[in-house]
Amino acid sequence: MRKFVCAAVVAVCSVGIAMAADFTAIITKVEGDKVTFKKTEKGQPVGEETTLPMSKDAKVFKGKGKKGVFETVGDALEKDAYTAAITKGVEGKAKGAQAYITTDDGGKAITRILLTGGKKKAKGGAE
């Protein structure tokens, strides 16, 4: 019985440490180190806008995703580059930049952002 209790305590502690949240969102604003976004499900915004600070070691990447699997493309972006990409998305039809956001334990700060963008559509017309 004692082994079972010890194993249960270790399992609960392990799950608590790994409780970082990953979710898709539309980023609507970046001001300083604060990012405002709205979570999405199946490409549609749900819930209310949320603002979280970026952690000191947060990184922003261009990314791609397919069926819930997201991966980075290239090196981390500098602040000017990702701010410009988000601003372009906000000013476009989407009214925000599509992203995959990872937060720290407890969801109090953003640790990684993958800017996934939209799918590029081919222009009409035969060549």
N, C-alpha and C. Protein backbone atom coordinates (compact mmCIF):
# COMPACT_ATOMS: atom_id res chain seq x y z
N MET A 1 0.84 -1.19 0.00
CA MET A 1 0.00 0.00 0.00
C MET A 1 0.88 1.25 0.00
N ARG A 2 1.96 1.22 0.72
CA ARG A 2 2.85 2.38 0.81
C ARG A 2 3.46 2.69 -0.56
N LYS A 3 3.82 1.66 -1.32
CA LYS A 3 4.37 1.87 -2.66
C LYS A 3 3.34 2.53 -3.56
N PHE A 4 2.10 2.11 -3.45
CA PHE A 4 1.04 2.68 -4.27
C PHE A 4 0.86 4.16 -3.96
N VAL A 5 0.84 4.52 -2.70
CA VAL A 5 0.67 5.92 -2.30
C VAL A 5 1.84 6.76 -2.81
N CYS A 6 3.06 6.25 -2.67
CA CYS A 6 4.24 6.97 -3.17
C CYS A 6 4.17 7.15 -4.69
N ALA A 7 3.77 6.11 -5.39
CA ALA A 7 3.66 6.20 -6.85
C ALA A 7 2.59 7.22 -7.25
N ALA A 8 1.49 7.25 -6.52
CA ALA A 8 0.42 8.21 -6.81
C ALA A 8 0.90 9.65 -6.60
N VAL A 9 1.64 9.88 -5.52
CA VAL A 9 2.16 11.21 -5.24
C VAL A 9 3.13 11.65 -6.34
N VAL A 10 4.00 10.78 -6.77
CA VAL A 10 4.95 11.10 -7.84
C VAL A 10 4.20 11.39 -9.14
N ALA A 11 3.18 10.61 -9.45
CA ALA A 11 2.41 10.83 -10.68
C ALA A 11 1.70 12.18 -10.66
N VAL A 12 1.10 12.53 -9.54
CA VAL A 12 0.40 13.82 -9.43
C VAL A 12 1.39 14.97 -9.56
N CYS A 13 2.54 14.88 -8.94
CA CYS A 13 3.55 15.94 -9.03
C CYS A 13 4.07 16.07 -10.46
N SER A 14 4.27 14.96 -11.13
CA SER A 14 4.76 14.99 -12.52
C SER A 14 3.75 15.66 -13.44
N VAL A 15 2.48 15.36 -13.26
CA VAL A 15 1.44 15.97 -14.08
C VAL A 15 1.37 17.46 -13.78
N GLY A 16 1.51 17.86 -12.55
CA GLY A 16 1.47 19.27 -12.16
C GLY A 16 2.58 20.07 -12.80
N ILE A 17 3.76 19.48 -12.93
CA ILE A 17 4.89 20.17 -13.54
C ILE A 17 4.68 20.32 -15.04
N ALA A 18 4.07 19.36 -15.66
CA ALA A 18 3.90 19.37 -17.11
C ALA A 18 2.57 19.98 -17.55
N MET A 19 2.01 20.88 -16.78
CA MET A 19 0.70 21.45 -17.09
C MET A 19 0.76 22.68 -17.99
N ALA A 20 1.80 22.84 -18.74
CA ALA A 20 1.87 23.95 -19.68
C ALA A 20 0.73 23.80 -20.69
N ALA A 21 0.12 24.91 -21.02
CA ALA A 21 -1.01 24.86 -21.95
C ALA A 21 -0.56 25.20 -23.36
N ASP A 22 -1.06 24.46 -24.32
CA ASP A 22 -0.83 24.71 -25.74
C ASP A 22 -2.19 24.89 -26.39
N PHE A 23 -2.34 25.92 -27.20
CA PHE A 23 -3.62 26.15 -27.85
C PHE A 23 -3.43 27.02 -29.09
N THR A 24 -4.41 26.97 -29.98
CA THR A 24 -4.40 27.83 -31.14
C THR A 24 -5.13 29.12 -30.79
N ALA A 25 -4.73 30.22 -31.43
CA ALA A 25 -5.32 31.51 -31.12
C ALA A 25 -5.14 32.46 -32.29
N ILE A 26 -5.87 33.56 -32.22
CA ILE A 26 -5.67 34.67 -33.14
C ILE A 26 -5.14 35.82 -32.30
N ILE A 27 -3.91 36.25 -32.62
CA ILE A 27 -3.29 37.35 -31.89
C ILE A 27 -3.80 38.65 -32.50
N THR A 28 -4.34 39.52 -31.65
CA THR A 28 -4.90 40.77 -32.14
C THR A 28 -4.04 41.99 -31.81
N LYS A 29 -3.12 41.84 -30.86
CA LYS A 29 -2.31 43.00 -30.49
C LYS A 29 -1.06 42.58 -29.73
N VAL A 30 0.04 43.31 -29.96
CA VAL A 30 1.26 43.15 -29.18
C VAL A 30 1.68 44.53 -28.72
N GLU A 31 1.75 44.73 -27.41
CA GLU A 31 2.20 46.00 -26.84
C GLU A 31 3.29 45.69 -25.83
N GLY A 32 4.51 46.08 -26.17
CA GLY A 32 5.63 45.78 -25.28
C GLY A 32 5.80 44.29 -25.16
N ASP A 33 5.71 43.77 -23.93
CA ASP A 33 5.84 42.32 -23.74
C ASP A 33 4.48 41.66 -23.49
N LYS A 34 3.39 42.38 -23.75
CA LYS A 34 2.05 41.82 -23.55
C LYS A 34 1.41 41.48 -24.89
N VAL A 35 0.80 40.30 -24.94
CA VAL A 35 0.17 39.80 -26.17
C VAL A 35 -1.32 39.60 -25.89
N THR A 36 -2.16 40.18 -26.75
CA THR A 36 -3.60 40.02 -26.63
C THR A 36 -4.05 39.06 -27.72
N PHE A 37 -4.85 38.05 -27.33
CA PHE A 37 -5.28 37.02 -28.27
C PHE A 37 -6.65 36.50 -27.89
N LYS A 38 -7.23 35.77 -28.84
CA LYS A 38 -8.49 35.09 -28.60
C LYS A 38 -8.29 33.63 -29.00
N LYS A 39 -8.57 32.70 -28.10
CA LYS A 39 -8.41 31.28 -28.40
C LYS A 39 -9.35 30.87 -29.53
N THR A 40 -8.91 29.85 -30.28
CA THR A 40 -9.73 29.34 -31.37
C THR A 40 -9.91 27.83 -31.24
N GLU A 41 -11.01 27.36 -31.79
CA GLU A 41 -11.28 25.92 -31.92
C GLU A 41 -11.78 25.69 -33.33
N LYS A 42 -11.15 24.78 -34.03
CA LYS A 42 -11.49 24.47 -35.42
C LYS A 42 -11.50 25.73 -36.28
N GLY A 43 -10.54 26.63 -36.00
CA GLY A 43 -10.38 27.84 -36.80
C GLY A 43 -11.31 28.98 -36.45
N GLN A 44 -12.22 28.78 -35.51
CA GLN A 44 -13.18 29.81 -35.14
C GLN A 44 -12.88 30.35 -33.74
N PRO A 45 -12.90 31.68 -33.57
CA PRO A 45 -12.64 32.25 -32.24
C PRO A 45 -13.69 31.81 -31.23
N VAL A 46 -13.24 31.52 -30.01
CA VAL A 46 -14.14 31.16 -28.91
C VAL A 46 -13.70 31.91 -27.66
N GLY A 47 -14.64 32.22 -26.81
CA GLY A 47 -14.31 32.89 -25.56
C GLY A 47 -14.00 34.36 -25.76
N GLU A 48 -13.38 34.94 -24.73
CA GLU A 48 -13.08 36.36 -24.73
C GLU A 48 -11.59 36.59 -24.98
N GLU A 49 -11.26 37.83 -25.33
CA GLU A 49 -9.86 38.18 -25.52
C GLU A 49 -9.12 38.09 -24.19
N THR A 50 -7.88 37.63 -24.28
CA THR A 50 -7.03 37.47 -23.11
C THR A 50 -5.71 38.16 -23.38
N THR A 51 -5.13 38.77 -22.36
CA THR A 51 -3.82 39.39 -22.49
C THR A 51 -2.88 38.72 -21.49
N LEU A 52 -1.74 38.22 -21.99
CA LEU A 52 -0.73 37.60 -21.15
C LEU A 52 0.64 38.21 -21.47
N PRO A 53 1.51 38.28 -20.47
CA PRO A 53 2.87 38.74 -20.74
C PRO A 53 3.70 37.62 -21.35
N MET A 54 4.72 38.00 -22.09
CA MET A 54 5.67 37.00 -22.60
C MET A 54 6.75 36.82 -21.54
N SER A 55 7.17 35.58 -21.31
CA SER A 55 8.24 35.33 -20.35
C SER A 55 9.54 35.91 -20.90
N LYS A 56 10.52 36.10 -20.04
CA LYS A 56 11.79 36.70 -20.46
C LYS A 56 12.51 35.87 -21.51
N ASP A 57 12.34 34.56 -21.48
CA ASP A 57 13.01 33.69 -22.45
C ASP A 57 12.07 33.19 -23.55
N ALA A 58 10.95 33.89 -23.76
CA ALA A 58 9.99 33.49 -24.79
C ALA A 58 10.58 33.66 -26.19
N LYS A 59 10.19 32.77 -27.08
CA LYS A 59 10.66 32.82 -28.45
C LYS A 59 9.46 32.79 -29.38
N VAL A 60 9.60 33.48 -30.52
CA VAL A 60 8.55 33.51 -31.53
C VAL A 60 9.14 32.95 -32.81
N PHE A 61 8.43 32.01 -33.41
CA PHE A 61 8.88 31.34 -34.63
C PHE A 61 7.78 31.42 -35.69
N LYS A 62 8.18 31.28 -36.94
CA LYS A 62 7.20 30.96 -37.97
C LYS A 62 6.98 29.47 -37.82
N GLY A 63 5.77 29.03 -38.02
CA GLY A 63 5.48 27.62 -37.84
C GLY A 63 4.50 27.12 -38.87
N LYS A 64 4.30 25.83 -38.86
CA LYS A 64 3.29 25.22 -39.71
C LYS A 64 2.62 24.13 -38.90
N GLY A 65 1.39 23.86 -39.25
CA GLY A 65 0.64 22.86 -38.50
C GLY A 65 -0.27 22.07 -39.40
N LYS A 66 -0.50 20.84 -38.98
CA LYS A 66 -1.38 19.97 -39.74
C LYS A 66 -2.01 18.97 -38.77
N LYS A 67 -3.31 18.97 -38.68
CA LYS A 67 -4.05 18.04 -37.83
C LYS A 67 -3.51 18.00 -36.40
N GLY A 68 -3.34 19.17 -35.79
CA GLY A 68 -2.94 19.26 -34.40
C GLY A 68 -1.46 19.10 -34.13
N VAL A 69 -0.64 18.91 -35.16
CA VAL A 69 0.80 18.79 -34.98
C VAL A 69 1.44 20.07 -35.53
N PHE A 70 2.12 20.81 -34.66
CA PHE A 70 2.72 22.07 -35.05
C PHE A 70 4.24 21.97 -34.91
N GLU A 71 4.95 22.56 -35.88
CA GLU A 71 6.41 22.54 -35.83
C GLU A 71 6.96 23.88 -36.28
N THR A 72 8.17 24.18 -35.84
CA THR A 72 8.79 25.45 -36.18
C THR A 72 9.42 25.38 -37.56
N VAL A 73 9.54 26.55 -38.17
CA VAL A 73 10.20 26.67 -39.46
C VAL A 73 11.26 27.75 -39.30
N GLY A 74 12.52 27.37 -39.30
CA GLY A 74 13.60 28.34 -39.20
C GLY A 74 13.92 28.77 -37.78
N ASP A 75 14.72 29.83 -37.71
CA ASP A 75 15.17 30.35 -36.42
C ASP A 75 14.12 31.27 -35.79
N ALA A 76 14.35 31.59 -34.53
CA ALA A 76 13.45 32.50 -33.82
C ALA A 76 13.46 33.87 -34.49
N LEU A 77 12.30 34.52 -34.49
CA LEU A 77 12.16 35.84 -35.09
C LEU A 77 12.54 36.92 -34.08
N GLU A 78 13.08 38.00 -34.60
CA GLU A 78 13.35 39.17 -33.76
C GLU A 78 12.03 39.88 -33.49
N LYS A 79 12.00 40.73 -32.45
CA LYS A 79 10.76 41.40 -32.07
C LYS A 79 10.18 42.23 -33.21
N ASP A 80 11.01 42.96 -33.95
CA ASP A 80 10.51 43.78 -35.06
C ASP A 80 9.84 42.92 -36.12
N ALA A 81 10.42 41.76 -36.42
CA ALA A 81 9.88 40.88 -37.46
C ALA A 81 8.53 40.30 -37.06
N TYR A 82 8.41 39.80 -35.83
CA TYR A 82 7.12 39.21 -35.47
C TYR A 82 6.07 40.27 -35.19
N THR A 83 6.46 41.44 -34.72
CA THR A 83 5.49 42.52 -34.54
C THR A 83 4.93 42.96 -35.89
N ALA A 84 5.80 43.04 -36.90
CA ALA A 84 5.35 43.41 -38.25
C ALA A 84 4.41 42.36 -38.82
N ALA A 85 4.71 41.07 -38.61
CA ALA A 85 3.86 39.99 -39.12
C ALA A 85 2.49 40.02 -38.45
N ILE A 86 2.45 40.27 -37.16
CA ILE A 86 1.18 40.33 -36.44
C ILE A 86 0.38 41.55 -36.88
N THR A 87 1.05 42.70 -37.03
CA THR A 87 0.38 43.91 -37.48
C THR A 87 -0.22 43.71 -38.87
N LYS A 88 0.50 43.04 -39.75
CA LYS A 88 -0.01 42.76 -41.09
C LYS A 88 -1.27 41.91 -41.01
N GLY A 89 -1.27 40.91 -40.12
CA GLY A 89 -2.45 40.07 -39.95
C GLY A 89 -3.64 40.82 -39.38
N VAL A 90 -3.38 41.74 -38.44
CA VAL A 90 -4.46 42.52 -37.83
C VAL A 90 -5.10 43.45 -38.87
N GLU A 91 -4.27 44.02 -39.73
CA GLU A 91 -4.78 44.94 -40.74
C GLU A 91 -5.44 44.22 -41.92
N GLY A 92 -5.21 42.92 -42.05
CA GLY A 92 -5.79 42.15 -43.15
C GLY A 92 -7.20 41.70 -42.86
N LYS A 93 -7.71 40.82 -43.70
CA LYS A 93 -9.07 40.31 -43.57
C LYS A 93 -9.27 39.50 -42.29
N ALA A 94 -8.24 38.82 -41.84
CA ALA A 94 -8.37 37.94 -40.68
C ALA A 94 -8.51 38.70 -39.37
N LYS A 95 -8.14 39.98 -39.35
CA LYS A 95 -8.20 40.82 -38.15
C LYS A 95 -7.35 40.26 -37.02
N GLY A 96 -6.29 39.55 -37.38
CA GLY A 96 -5.36 39.00 -36.39
C GLY A 96 -4.41 38.02 -37.03
N ALA A 97 -3.41 37.62 -36.28
CA ALA A 97 -2.42 36.67 -36.78
C ALA A 97 -2.69 35.30 -36.16
N GLN A 98 -2.82 34.27 -36.99
CA GLN A 98 -3.06 32.92 -36.49
C GLN A 98 -1.78 32.41 -35.84
N ALA A 99 -1.92 31.77 -34.68
CA ALA A 99 -0.74 31.32 -33.95
C ALA A 99 -1.06 30.10 -33.10
N TYR A 100 0.00 29.41 -32.72
CA TYR A 100 -0.06 28.30 -31.76
C TYR A 100 0.75 28.77 -30.56
N ILE A 101 0.10 28.94 -29.42
CA ILE A 101 0.72 29.54 -28.24
C ILE A 101 0.96 28.49 -27.17
N THR A 102 2.13 28.57 -26.54
CA THR A 102 2.47 27.72 -25.39
C THR A 102 2.68 28.62 -24.19
N THR A 103 2.03 28.28 -23.07
CA THR A 103 2.21 29.05 -21.84
C THR A 103 2.95 28.21 -20.81
N ASP A 104 3.44 28.88 -19.78
CA ASP A 104 4.15 28.19 -18.71
C ASP A 104 3.16 27.49 -17.78
N ASP A 105 3.70 26.86 -16.77
CA ASP A 105 2.88 26.17 -15.77
C ASP A 105 1.94 27.18 -15.13
N GLY A 106 0.68 26.94 -15.19
CA GLY A 106 -0.29 27.84 -14.61
C GLY A 106 -0.86 28.84 -15.61
N GLY A 107 -0.30 28.90 -16.80
CA GLY A 107 -0.82 29.79 -17.83
C GLY A 107 -0.67 31.25 -17.51
N LYS A 108 0.41 31.62 -16.81
CA LYS A 108 0.60 33.02 -16.41
C LYS A 108 1.48 33.81 -17.35
N ALA A 109 2.23 33.13 -18.23
CA ALA A 109 3.10 33.81 -19.19
C ALA A 109 3.28 32.95 -20.43
N ILE A 110 3.48 33.62 -21.55
CA ILE A 110 3.69 32.92 -22.82
C ILE A 110 5.16 32.56 -22.94
N THR A 111 5.45 31.30 -23.28
CA THR A 111 6.83 30.87 -23.44
C THR A 111 7.23 30.66 -24.89
N ARG A 112 6.22 30.42 -25.78
CA ARG A 112 6.53 30.22 -27.20
C ARG A 112 5.31 30.55 -28.04
N ILE A 113 5.57 31.19 -29.19
CA ILE A 113 4.52 31.47 -30.15
C ILE A 113 4.99 30.97 -31.52
N LEU A 114 4.15 30.20 -32.17
CA LEU A 114 4.39 29.81 -33.56
C LEU A 114 3.37 30.55 -34.41
N LEU A 115 3.84 31.46 -35.25
CA LEU A 115 2.95 32.17 -36.16
C LEU A 115 2.66 31.25 -37.33
N THR A 116 1.44 30.72 -37.37
CA THR A 116 1.11 29.73 -38.38
C THR A 116 0.56 30.34 -39.65
N GLY A 117 0.00 31.52 -39.58
CA GLY A 117 -0.53 32.19 -40.77
C GLY A 117 -1.63 31.39 -41.42
N GLY A 118 -2.17 31.94 -42.48
CA GLY A 118 -3.24 31.27 -43.20
C GLY A 118 -2.67 30.54 -44.40
N LYS A 119 -3.51 29.71 -45.01
CA LYS A 119 -3.09 29.01 -46.22
C LYS A 119 -3.11 29.99 -47.38
N LYS A 120 -2.09 29.94 -48.20
CA LYS A 120 -2.02 30.81 -49.36
C LYS A 120 -2.87 30.20 -50.48
N LYS A 121 -3.72 31.02 -51.04
CA LYS A 121 -4.58 30.55 -52.11
C LYS A 121 -3.95 30.93 -53.45
N ALA A 122 -4.02 30.03 -54.39
CA ALA A 122 -3.49 30.31 -55.72
C ALA A 122 -4.41 31.29 -56.42
N LYS A 123 -3.82 32.20 -57.17
CA LYS A 123 -4.60 33.17 -57.93
C LYS A 123 -5.28 32.43 -59.08
N GLY A 124 -6.47 32.85 -59.40
CA GLY A 124 -7.23 32.20 -60.47
C GLY A 124 -6.61 32.43 -61.84
N GLY A 125 -6.99 31.62 -62.78
CA GLY A 125 -6.49 31.79 -64.15
C GLY A 125 -5.55 30.67 -64.53
N ALA A 126 -5.63 30.25 -65.74
CA ALA A 126 -4.75 29.20 -66.24
C ALA A 126 -3.49 29.80 -66.83
N GLU A 127 -2.42 29.08 -66.72
CA GLU A 127 -1.15 29.56 -67.27
C GLU A 127 -0.72 28.70 -68.42
